Amino acid sequence: MKLDRYELKAGRNLTTFEFLSEGPKGKIIKLVQFQQMNLPNLYNLAFGDLNPLTGQFDDKIITDNGDSEKVLATVVAAVYAFTGQYPRRMGLRNRQHRDENKIV
């Protein structure tokens, strides 16, 4: 199934993505960030809005702009872009002899 998604703007290293949510509450800038954790090749996916008053990332806000399916599809597209660029990050390991994908 192919879902509609928003156009992503990727940062230079494909660790930060931005897109514009459009709905009844207006146009809202959304951010997806892949933040390195303390363990090698393990990243946290952070998602939220760009606060227009502070210019800071806000992952606690609920905007409810009526486009959650399209927003989620866009976040998934960011995950594909990140893991396509960095296939060994996020703790994914491919065991070819059994063709199993495991999260380590």
PDB file of N, CA and C in Angstrom:
ATOM      1  N   MET A   1       0.849  -1.166   0.000  1.00  0.00           N
ATOM      2  CA  MET A   1       0.000   0.000   0.000  1.00  0.00           C
ATOM      3  C   MET A   1       0.902   1.239   0.000  1.00  0.00           C
ATOM      4  N   LYS A   2       0.639   2.161  -0.877  1.00  0.00           N
ATOM      5  CA  LYS A   2       1.410   3.398  -0.957  1.00  0.00           C
ATOM      6  C   LYS A   2       0.542   4.531  -0.436  1.00  0.00           C
ATOM      7  N   LEU A   3       1.032   5.206   0.598  1.00  0.00           N
ATOM      8  CA  LEU A   3       0.292   6.299   1.218  1.00  0.00           C
ATOM      9  C   LEU A   3       0.851   7.641   0.772  1.00  0.00           C
ATOM     10  N   ASP A   4      -0.014   8.641   0.749  1.00  0.00           N
ATOM     11  CA  ASP A   4       0.451  10.004   0.487  1.00  0.00           C
ATOM     12  C   ASP A   4       1.378  10.429   1.607  1.00  0.00           C
ATOM     13  N   ARG A   5       2.367  11.227   1.247  1.00  0.00           N
ATOM     14  CA  ARG A   5       3.263  11.776   2.255  1.00  0.00           C
ATOM     15  C   ARG A   5       3.702  13.167   1.825  1.00  0.00           C
ATOM     16  N   TYR A   6       4.248  13.890   2.789  1.00  0.00           N
ATOM     17  CA  TYR A   6       4.732  15.233   2.516  1.00  0.00           C
ATOM     18  C   TYR A   6       6.140  15.180   1.944  1.00  0.00           C
ATOM     19  N   GLU A   7       6.532  16.242   1.279  1.00  0.00           N
ATOM     20  CA  GLU A   7       7.888  16.347   0.751  1.00  0.00           C
ATOM     21  C   GLU A   7       8.845  16.604   1.916  1.00  0.00           C
ATOM     22  N   LEU A   8       9.897  15.802   1.971  1.00  0.00           N
ATOM     23  CA  LEU A   8      10.901  15.925   3.029  1.00  0.00           C
ATOM     24  C   LEU A   8      12.061  16.791   2.575  1.00  0.00           C
ATOM     25  N   LYS A   9      12.551  17.616   3.479  1.00  0.00           N
ATOM     26  CA  LYS A   9      13.803  18.343   3.269  1.00  0.00           C
ATOM     27  C   LYS A   9      14.808  17.723   4.225  1.00  0.00           C
ATOM     28  N   ALA A  10      15.864  17.161   3.663  1.00  0.00           N
ATOM     29  CA  ALA A  10      16.859  16.472   4.482  1.00  0.00           C
ATOM     30  C   ALA A  10      18.022  17.381   4.814  1.00  0.00           C
ATOM     31  N   GLY A  11      18.530  17.242   6.032  1.00  0.00           N
ATOM     32  CA  GLY A  11      19.753  17.923   6.418  1.00  0.00           C
ATOM     33  C   GLY A  11      20.943  17.287   5.715  1.00  0.00           C
ATOM     34  N   ARG A  12      22.075  17.915   5.830  1.00  0.00           N
ATOM     35  CA  ARG A  12      23.273  17.499   5.102  1.00  0.00           C
ATOM     36  C   ARG A  12      23.662  16.043   5.349  1.00  0.00           C
ATOM     37  N   ASN A  13      23.577  15.571   6.581  1.00  0.00           N
ATOM     38  CA  ASN A  13      24.002  14.207   6.913  1.00  0.00           C
ATOM     39  C   ASN A  13      22.852  13.208   6.980  1.00  0.00           C
ATOM     40  N   LEU A  14      21.671  13.617   6.566  1.00  0.00           N
ATOM     41  CA  LEU A  14      20.462  12.788   6.637  1.00  0.00           C
ATOM     42  C   LEU A  14      20.162  12.330   8.067  1.00  0.00           C
ATOM     43  N   THR A  15      20.451  13.189   9.038  1.00  0.00           N
ATOM     44  CA  THR A  15      20.077  12.891  10.420  1.00  0.00           C
ATOM     45  C   THR A  15      18.943  13.792  10.894  1.00  0.00           C
ATOM     46  N   THR A  16      18.648  14.834  10.128  1.00  0.00           N
ATOM     47  CA  THR A  16      17.540  15.733  10.439  1.00  0.00           C
ATOM     48  C   THR A  16      16.708  15.938   9.183  1.00  0.00           C
ATOM     49  N   PHE A  17      15.393  15.859   9.357  1.00  0.00           N
ATOM     50  CA  PHE A  17      14.458  16.052   8.246  1.00  0.00           C
ATOM     51  C   PHE A  17      13.382  17.033   8.683  1.00  0.00           C
ATOM     52  N   GLU A  18      12.880  17.770   7.724  1.00  0.00           N
ATOM     53  CA  GLU A  18      11.832  18.758   7.987  1.00  0.00           C
ATOM     54  C   GLU A  18      10.750  18.604   6.923  1.00  0.00           C
ATOM     55  N   PHE A  19       9.498  18.802   7.335  1.00  0.00           N
ATOM     56  CA  PHE A  19       8.404  18.843   6.371  1.00  0.00           C
ATOM     57  C   PHE A  19       7.290  19.719   6.923  1.00  0.00           C
ATOM     58  N   LEU A  20       6.351  20.065   6.066  1.00  0.00           N
ATOM     59  CA  LEU A  20       5.272  20.976   6.411  1.00  0.00           C
ATOM     60  C   LEU A  20       3.953  20.215   6.451  1.00  0.00           C
ATOM     61  N   SER A  21       3.351  20.138   7.637  1.00  0.00           N
ATOM     62  CA  SER A  21       2.021  19.551   7.810  1.00  0.00           C
ATOM     63  C   SER A  21       0.987  20.611   7.452  1.00  0.00           C
ATOM     64  N   GLU A  22       0.028  20.226   6.620  1.00  0.00           N
ATOM     65  CA  GLU A  22      -1.026  21.170   6.222  1.00  0.00           C
ATOM     66  C   GLU A  22      -2.384  20.600   6.578  1.00  0.00           C
ATOM     67  N   GLY A  23      -3.162  21.384   7.315  1.00  0.00           N
ATOM     68  CA  GLY A  23      -4.485  20.932   7.734  1.00  0.00           C
ATOM     69  C   GLY A  23      -5.301  22.083   8.274  1.00  0.00           C
ATOM     70  N   PRO A  24      -6.391  21.765   8.997  1.00  0.00           N
ATOM     71  CA  PRO A  24      -7.297  22.789   9.509  1.00  0.00           C
ATOM     72  C   PRO A  24      -6.639  23.779  10.470  1.00  0.00           C
ATOM     73  N   LYS A  25      -5.550  23.397  11.095  1.00  0.00           N
ATOM     74  CA  LYS A  25      -4.861  24.297  12.027  1.00  0.00           C
ATOM     75  C   LYS A  25      -3.720  25.055  11.351  1.00  0.00           C
ATOM     76  N   GLY A  26      -3.665  24.970  10.027  1.00  0.00           N
ATOM     77  CA  GLY A  26      -2.658  25.714   9.276  1.00  0.00           C
ATOM     78  C   GLY A  26      -1.476  24.876   8.866  1.00  0.00           C
ATOM     79  N   LYS A  27      -0.393  25.560   8.559  1.00  0.00           N
ATOM     80  CA  LYS A  27       0.851  24.910   8.149  1.00  0.00           C
ATOM     81  C   LYS A  27       1.784  24.849   9.357  1.00  0.00           C
ATOM     82  N   ILE A  28       2.216  23.624   9.668  1.00  0.00           N
ATOM     83  CA  ILE A  28       3.038  23.401  10.854  1.00  0.00           C
ATOM     84  C   ILE A  28       4.326  22.692  10.431  1.00  0.00           C
ATOM     85  N   ILE A  29       5.452  23.264  10.837  1.00  0.00           N
ATOM     86  CA  ILE A  29       6.744  22.647  10.510  1.00  0.00           C
ATOM     87  C   ILE A  29       6.992  21.480  11.462  1.00  0.00           C
ATOM     88  N   LYS A  30       7.216  20.311  10.875  1.00  0.00           N
ATOM     89  CA  LYS A  30       7.506  19.089  11.626  1.00  0.00           C
ATOM     90  C   LYS A  30       8.972  18.720  11.434  1.00  0.00           C
ATOM     91  N   LEU A  31       9.558  18.127  12.472  1.00  0.00           N
ATOM     92  CA  LEU A  31      10.955  17.708  12.422  1.00  0.00           C
ATOM     93  C   LEU A  31      11.086  16.238  12.795  1.00  0.00           C
ATOM     94  N   VAL A  32      11.987  15.555  12.102  1.00  0.00           N
ATOM     95  CA  VAL A  32      12.383  14.184  12.439  1.00  0.00           C
ATOM     96  C   VAL A  32      13.888  14.231  12.633  1.00  0.00           C
ATOM     97  N   GLN A  33      14.352  13.776  13.794  1.00  0.00           N
ATOM     98  CA  GLN A  33      15.789  13.783  14.074  1.00  0.00           C
ATOM     99  C   GLN A  33      16.226  12.399  14.525  1.00  0.00           C
ATOM    100  N   PHE A  34      17.381  11.977  14.025  1.00  0.00           N
ATOM    101  CA  PHE A  34      17.999  10.731  14.459  1.00  0.00           C
ATOM    102  C   PHE A  34      19.164  11.119  15.365  1.00  0.00           C
ATOM    103  N   GLN A  35      19.026  10.813  16.655  1.00  0.00           N
ATOM    104  CA  GLN A  35      19.994  11.242  17.667  1.00  0.00           C
ATOM    105  C   GLN A  35      20.797  10.043  18.139  1.00  0.00           C
ATOM    106  N   GLN A  36      22.128  10.152  18.049  1.00  0.00           N
ATOM    107  CA  GLN A  36      22.996   9.058  18.450  1.00  0.00           C
ATOM    108  C   GLN A  36      22.889   8.815  19.950  1.00  0.00           C
ATOM    109  N   MET A  37      22.802   7.543  20.315  1.00  0.00           N
ATOM    110  CA  MET A  37      22.706   7.137  21.718  1.00  0.00           C
ATOM    111  C   MET A  37      24.102   6.782  22.225  1.00  0.00           C
ATOM    112  N   ASN A  38      24.196   6.308  23.456  1.00  0.00           N
ATOM    113  CA  ASN A  38      25.482   5.958  24.060  1.00  0.00           C
ATOM    114  C   ASN A  38      26.084   4.677  23.510  1.00  0.00           C
ATOM    115  N   LEU A  39      25.291   3.841  22.899  1.00  0.00           N
ATOM    116  CA  LEU A  39      25.792   2.591  22.330  1.00  0.00           C
ATOM    117  C   LEU A  39      26.130   2.791  20.854  1.00  0.00           C
ATOM    118  N   PRO A  40      27.143   2.100  20.355  1.00  0.00           N
ATOM    119  CA  PRO A  40      27.522   2.257  18.946  1.00  0.00           C
ATOM    120  C   PRO A  40      26.371   1.869  18.010  1.00  0.00           C
ATOM    121  N   ASN A  41      26.178   2.660  16.981  1.00  0.00           N
ATOM    122  CA  ASN A  41      25.190   2.395  15.930  1.00  0.00           C
ATOM    123  C   ASN A  41      23.750   2.340  16.421  1.00  0.00           C
ATOM    124  N   LEU A  42      23.466   2.909  17.564  1.00  0.00           N
ATOM    125  CA  LEU A  42      22.093   2.948  18.067  1.00  0.00           C
ATOM    126  C   LEU A  42      21.628   4.397  18.085  1.00  0.00           C
ATOM    127  N   TYR A  43      20.495   4.646  17.458  1.00  0.00           N
ATOM    128  CA  TYR A  43      19.967   5.993  17.314  1.00  0.00           C
ATOM    129  C   TYR A  43      18.544   6.070  17.830  1.00  0.00           C
ATOM    130  N   ASN A  44      18.188   7.200  18.388  1.00  0.00           N
ATOM    131  CA  ASN A  44      16.843   7.514  18.811  1.00  0.00           C
ATOM    132  C   ASN A  44      16.162   8.307  17.694  1.00  0.00           C
ATOM    133  N   LEU A  45      14.942   7.951  17.369  1.00  0.00           N
ATOM    134  CA  LEU A  45      14.156   8.729  16.425  1.00  0.00           C
ATOM    135  C   LEU A  45      13.319   9.709  17.234  1.00  0.00           C
ATOM    136  N   ALA A  46      13.590  10.987  17.050  1.00  0.00           N
ATOM    137  CA  ALA A  46      12.823  12.035  17.729  1.00  0.00           C
ATOM    138  C   ALA A  46      11.928  12.709  16.685  1.00  0.00           C
ATOM    139  N   PHE A  47      10.690  12.982  17.065  1.00  0.00           N
ATOM    140  CA  PHE A  47       9.723  13.582  16.153  1.00  0.00           C
ATOM    141  C   PHE A  47       8.931  14.636  16.896  1.00  0.00           C
ATOM    142  N   GLY A  48       8.726  15.772  16.251  1.00  0.00           N
ATOM    143  CA  GLY A  48       7.928  16.822  16.873  1.00  0.00           C
ATOM    144  C   GLY A  48       7.782  18.026  15.968  1.00  0.00           C
ATOM    145  N   ASP A  49       7.361  19.130  16.557  1.00  0.00           N
ATOM    146  CA  ASP A  49       7.145  20.374  15.822  1.00  0.00           C
ATOM    147  C   ASP A  49       8.285  21.352  16.081  1.00  0.00           C
ATOM    148  N   LEU A  50       8.471  22.248  15.155  1.00  0.00           N
ATOM    149  CA  LEU A  50       9.351  23.382  15.384  1.00  0.00           C
ATOM    150  C   LEU A  50       8.489  24.462  16.024  1.00  0.00           C
ATOM    151  N   ASN A  51       8.803  24.809  17.258  1.00  0.00           N
ATOM    152  CA  ASN A  51       8.034  25.820  17.974  1.00  0.00           C
ATOM    153  C   ASN A  51       8.272  27.173  17.311  1.00  0.00           C
ATOM    154  N   PRO A  52       7.212  27.803  16.771  1.00  0.00           N
ATOM    155  CA  PRO A  52       7.407  29.065  16.055  1.00  0.00           C
ATOM    156  C   PRO A  52       7.821  30.232  16.958  1.00  0.00           C
ATOM    157  N   LEU A  53       7.552  30.126  18.249  1.00  0.00           N
ATOM    158  CA  LEU A  53       7.915  31.207  19.174  1.00  0.00           C
ATOM    159  C   LEU A  53       9.373  31.128  19.617  1.00  0.00           C
ATOM    160  N   THR A  54       9.858  29.902  19.844  1.00  0.00           N
ATOM    161  CA  THR A  54      11.219  29.742  20.364  1.00  0.00           C
ATOM    162  C   THR A  54      12.221  29.278  19.310  1.00  0.00           C
ATOM    163  N   GLY A  55      11.704  28.690  18.204  1.00  0.00           N
ATOM    164  CA  GLY A  55      12.593  28.123  17.193  1.00  0.00           C
ATOM    165  C   GLY A  55      13.208  26.810  17.632  1.00  0.00           C
ATOM    166  N   GLN A  56      12.699  26.245  18.731  1.00  0.00           N
ATOM    167  CA  GLN A  56      13.236  25.004  19.281  1.00  0.00           C
ATOM    168  C   GLN A  56      12.362  23.807  18.893  1.00  0.00           C
ATOM    169  N   PHE A  57      12.964  22.641  18.922  1.00  0.00           N
ATOM    170  CA  PHE A  57      12.275  21.376  18.687  1.00  0.00           C
ATOM    171  C   PHE A  57      11.371  21.077  19.877  1.00  0.00           C
ATOM    172  N   ASP A  58      10.114  20.713  19.622  1.00  0.00           N
ATOM    173  CA  ASP A  58       9.157  20.409  20.687  1.00  0.00           C
ATOM    174  C   ASP A  58       8.514  19.059  20.394  1.00  0.00           C
ATOM    175  N   ASP A  59       8.872  18.047  21.181  1.00  0.00           N
ATOM    176  CA  ASP A  59       8.307  16.710  20.961  1.00  0.00           C
ATOM    177  C   ASP A  59       7.170  16.385  21.927  1.00  0.00           C
ATOM    178  N   LYS A  60       6.712  17.375  22.666  1.00  0.00           N
ATOM    179  CA  LYS A  60       5.597  17.162  23.596  1.00  0.00           C
ATOM    180  C   LYS A  60       4.278  17.752  23.089  1.00  0.00           C
ATOM    181  N   ILE A  61       4.345  18.593  22.092  1.00  0.00           N
ATOM    182  CA  ILE A  61       3.157  19.277  21.581  1.00  0.00           C
ATOM    183  C   ILE A  61       2.282  18.314  20.766  1.00  0.00           C
ATOM    184  N   ILE A  62       0.987  18.485  20.871  1.00  0.00           N
ATOM    185  CA  ILE A  62       0.027  17.717  20.063  1.00  0.00           C
ATOM    186  C   ILE A  62      -0.715  18.726  19.200  1.00  0.00           C
ATOM    187  N   THR A  63      -0.479  18.671  17.892  1.00  0.00           N
ATOM    188  CA  THR A  63      -1.086  19.673  17.017  1.00  0.00           C
ATOM    189  C   THR A  63      -2.415  19.217  16.428  1.00  0.00           C
ATOM    190  N   ASP A  64      -2.612  17.905  16.265  1.00  0.00           N
ATOM    191  CA  ASP A  64      -3.884  17.366  15.765  1.00  0.00           C
ATOM    192  C   ASP A  64      -4.369  18.152  14.541  1.00  0.00           C
ATOM    193  N   ASN A  65      -3.569  18.110  13.477  1.00  0.00           N
ATOM    194  CA  ASN A  65      -3.858  18.873  12.266  1.00  0.00           C
ATOM    195  C   ASN A  65      -4.667  18.071  11.242  1.00  0.00           C
ATOM    196  N   GLY A  66      -5.193  16.918  11.655  1.00  0.00           N
ATOM    197  CA  GLY A  66      -6.069  16.139  10.791  1.00  0.00           C
ATOM    198  C   GLY A  66      -5.368  15.371   9.685  1.00  0.00           C
ATOM    199  N   ASP A  67      -4.047  15.223   9.792  1.00  0.00           N
ATOM    200  CA  ASP A  67      -3.297  14.555   8.724  1.00  0.00           C
ATOM    201  C   ASP A  67      -2.343  13.501   9.268  1.00  0.00           C
ATOM    202  N   SER A  68      -2.744  12.839  10.356  1.00  0.00           N
ATOM    203  CA  SER A  68      -1.837  11.926  11.052  1.00  0.00           C
ATOM    204  C   SER A  68      -1.324  10.795  10.161  1.00  0.00           C
ATOM    205  N   GLU A  69      -2.154  10.260   9.268  1.00  0.00           N
ATOM    206  CA  GLU A  69      -1.704   9.177   8.393  1.00  0.00           C
ATOM    207  C   GLU A  69      -0.619   9.664   7.435  1.00  0.00           C
ATOM    208  N   LYS A  70      -0.804  10.843   6.895  1.00  0.00           N
ATOM    209  CA  LYS A  70       0.172  11.416   5.975  1.00  0.00           C
ATOM    210  C   LYS A  70       1.456  11.778   6.722  1.00  0.00           C
ATOM    211  N   VAL A  71       1.338  12.280   7.940  1.00  0.00           N
ATOM    212  CA  VAL A  71       2.503  12.606   8.762  1.00  0.00           C
ATOM    213  C   VAL A  71       3.290  11.335   9.076  1.00  0.00           C
ATOM    214  N   LEU A  72       2.598  10.277   9.500  1.00  0.00           N
ATOM    215  CA  LEU A  72       3.268   9.021   9.825  1.00  0.00           C
ATOM    216  C   LEU A  72       3.971   8.441   8.600  1.00  0.00           C
ATOM    217  N   ALA A  73       3.328   8.491   7.439  1.00  0.00           N
ATOM    218  CA  ALA A  73       3.955   8.006   6.214  1.00  0.00           C
ATOM    219  C   ALA A  73       5.218   8.809   5.890  1.00  0.00           C
ATOM    220  N   THR A  74       5.212  10.083   6.199  1.00  0.00           N
ATOM    221  CA  THR A  74       6.378  10.936   5.959  1.00  0.00           C
ATOM    222  C   THR A  74       7.505  10.587   6.925  1.00  0.00           C
ATOM    223  N   VAL A  75       7.174  10.322   8.180  1.00  0.00           N
ATOM    224  CA  VAL A  75       8.186   9.908   9.155  1.00  0.00           C
ATOM    225  C   VAL A  75       8.819   8.584   8.713  1.00  0.00           C
ATOM    226  N   VAL A  76       8.016   7.668   8.232  1.00  0.00           N
ATOM    227  CA  VAL A  76       8.537   6.387   7.739  1.00  0.00           C
ATOM    228  C   VAL A  76       9.468   6.616   6.547  1.00  0.00           C
ATOM    229  N   ALA A  77       9.131   7.550   5.675  1.00  0.00           N
ATOM    230  CA  ALA A  77      10.011   7.878   4.550  1.00  0.00           C
ATOM    231  C   ALA A  77      11.364   8.393   5.049  1.00  0.00           C
ATOM    232  N   ALA A  78      11.364   9.162   6.140  1.00  0.00           N
ATOM    233  CA  ALA A  78      12.615   9.632   6.733  1.00  0.00           C
ATOM    234  C   ALA A  78      13.434   8.460   7.280  1.00  0.00           C
ATOM    235  N   VAL A  79      12.764   7.493   7.890  1.00  0.00           N
ATOM    236  CA  VAL A  79      13.449   6.300   8.392  1.00  0.00           C
ATOM    237  C   VAL A  79      14.109   5.551   7.236  1.00  0.00           C
ATOM    238  N   TYR A  80      13.385   5.379   6.137  1.00  0.00           N
ATOM    239  CA  TYR A  80      13.956   4.701   4.961  1.00  0.00           C
ATOM    240  C   TYR A  80      15.160   5.463   4.417  1.00  0.00           C
ATOM    241  N   ALA A  81      15.081   6.783   4.369  1.00  0.00           N
ATOM    242  CA  ALA A  81      16.201   7.582   3.865  1.00  0.00           C
ATOM    243  C   ALA A  81      17.418   7.438   4.780  1.00  0.00           C
ATOM    244  N   PHE A  82      17.194   7.510   6.095  1.00  0.00           N
ATOM    245  CA  PHE A  82      18.291   7.393   7.055  1.00  0.00           C
ATOM    246  C   PHE A  82      18.941   6.017   6.997  1.00  0.00           C
ATOM    247  N   THR A  83      18.125   4.962   7.055  1.00  0.00           N
ATOM    248  CA  THR A  83      18.682   3.607   7.057  1.00  0.00           C
ATOM    249  C   THR A  83      19.262   3.232   5.689  1.00  0.00           C
ATOM    250  N   GLY A  84      18.772   3.856   4.624  1.00  0.00           N
ATOM    251  CA  GLY A  84      19.379   3.640   3.311  1.00  0.00           C
ATOM    252  C   GLY A  84      20.780   4.227   3.240  1.00  0.00           C
ATOM    253  N   GLN A  85      20.965   5.376   3.872  1.00  0.00           N
ATOM    254  CA  GLN A  85      22.282   6.028   3.906  1.00  0.00           C
ATOM    255  C   GLN A  85      23.217   5.356   4.911  1.00  0.00           C
ATOM    256  N   TYR A  86      22.655   4.903   6.032  1.00  0.00           N
ATOM    257  CA  TYR A  86      23.447   4.316   7.113  1.00  0.00           C
ATOM    258  C   TYR A  86      22.878   2.940   7.487  1.00  0.00           C
ATOM    259  N   PRO A  87      23.093   1.928   6.662  1.00  0.00           N
ATOM    260  CA  PRO A  87      22.433   0.630   6.887  1.00  0.00           C
ATOM    261  C   PRO A  87      22.828  -0.087   8.179  1.00  0.00           C
ATOM    262  N   ARG A  88      23.960   0.227   8.763  1.00  0.00           N
ATOM    263  CA  ARG A  88      24.393  -0.456   9.986  1.00  0.00           C
ATOM    264  C   ARG A  88      23.962   0.276  11.255  1.00  0.00           C
ATOM    265  N   ARG A  89      23.345   1.407  11.116  1.00  0.00           N
ATOM    266  CA  ARG A  89      22.909   2.155  12.294  1.00  0.00           C
ATOM    267  C   ARG A  89      21.535   1.691  12.737  1.00  0.00           C
ATOM    268  N   MET A  90      21.156   2.120  13.892  1.00  0.00           N
ATOM    269  CA  MET A  90      19.870   1.801  14.522  1.00  0.00           C
ATOM    270  C   MET A  90      19.821   0.366  15.027  1.00  0.00           C
ATOM    271  N   GLY A  91      20.970  -0.297  15.130  1.00  0.00           N
ATOM    272  CA  GLY A  91      21.012  -1.621  15.734  1.00  0.00           C
ATOM    273  C   GLY A  91      20.429  -2.717  14.874  1.00  0.00           C
ATOM    274  N   LEU A  92      20.311  -2.501  13.581  1.00  0.00           N
ATOM    275  CA  LEU A  92      19.780  -3.552  12.710  1.00  0.00           C
ATOM    276  C   LEU A  92      20.922  -4.437  12.228  1.00  0.00           C
ATOM    277  N   ARG A  93      20.713  -5.713  12.284  1.00  0.00           N
ATOM    278  CA  ARG A  93      21.716  -6.657  11.799  1.00  0.00           C
ATOM    279  C   ARG A  93      21.017  -7.663  10.892  1.00  0.00           C
ATOM    280  N   ASN A  94      21.606  -7.949   9.782  1.00  0.00           N
ATOM    281  CA  ASN A  94      21.047  -8.902   8.837  1.00  0.00           C
ATOM    282  C   ASN A  94      21.868 -10.179   8.893  1.00  0.00           C
ATOM    283  N   ARG A  95      21.251 -11.275   9.265  1.00  0.00           N
ATOM    284  CA  ARG A  95      21.930 -12.572   9.285  1.00  0.00           C
ATOM    285  C   ARG A  95      21.557 -13.307   8.005  1.00  0.00           C
ATOM    286  N   GLN A  96      22.473 -13.299   7.058  1.00  0.00           N
ATOM    287  CA  GLN A  96      22.166 -13.814   5.730  1.00  0.00           C
ATOM    288  C   GLN A  96      21.990 -15.324   5.684  1.00  0.00           C
ATOM    289  N   HIS A  97      22.678 -16.063   6.549  1.00  0.00           N
ATOM    290  CA  HIS A  97      22.566 -17.515   6.478  1.00  0.00           C
ATOM    291  C   HIS A  97      21.168 -18.001   6.824  1.00  0.00           C
ATOM    292  N   ARG A  98      20.420 -17.265   7.604  1.00  0.00           N
ATOM    293  CA  ARG A  98      19.043 -17.627   7.926  1.00  0.00           C
ATOM    294  C   ARG A  98      18.050 -16.634   7.369  1.00  0.00           C
ATOM    295  N   ASP A  99      18.572 -15.583   6.723  1.00  0.00           N
ATOM    296  CA  ASP A  99      17.733 -14.525   6.161  1.00  0.00           C
ATOM    297  C   ASP A  99      16.830 -13.915   7.225  1.00  0.00           C
ATOM    298  N   GLU A 100      17.384 -13.699   8.427  1.00  0.00           N
ATOM    299  CA  GLU A 100      16.629 -13.099   9.525  1.00  0.00           C
ATOM    300  C   GLU A 100      17.114 -11.678   9.764  1.00  0.00           C
ATOM    301  N   ASN A 101      16.208 -10.797  10.033  1.00  0.00           N
ATOM    302  CA  ASN A 101      16.560  -9.453  10.474  1.00  0.00           C
ATOM    303  C   ASN A 101      16.284  -9.376  11.961  1.00  0.00           C
ATOM    304  N   LYS A 102      17.281  -8.962  12.716  1.00  0.00           N
ATOM    305  CA  LYS A 102      17.115  -8.880  14.165  1.00  0.00           C
ATOM    306  C   LYS A 102      17.534  -7.515  14.646  1.00  0.00           C
ATOM    307  N   ILE A 103      16.857  -7.059  15.662  1.00  0.00           N
ATOM    308  CA  ILE A 103      17.262  -5.831  16.330  1.00  0.00           C
ATOM    309  C   ILE A 103      18.177  -6.233  17.470  1.00  0.00           C
ATOM    310  N   VAL A 104      19.349  -5.654  17.482  1.00  0.00           N
ATOM    311  CA  VAL A 104      20.352  -5.997  18.481  1.00  0.00           C
ATOM    312  C   VAL A 104      20.315  -4.997  19.601  1.00  0.00           C
TER     313      VAL A 104
END
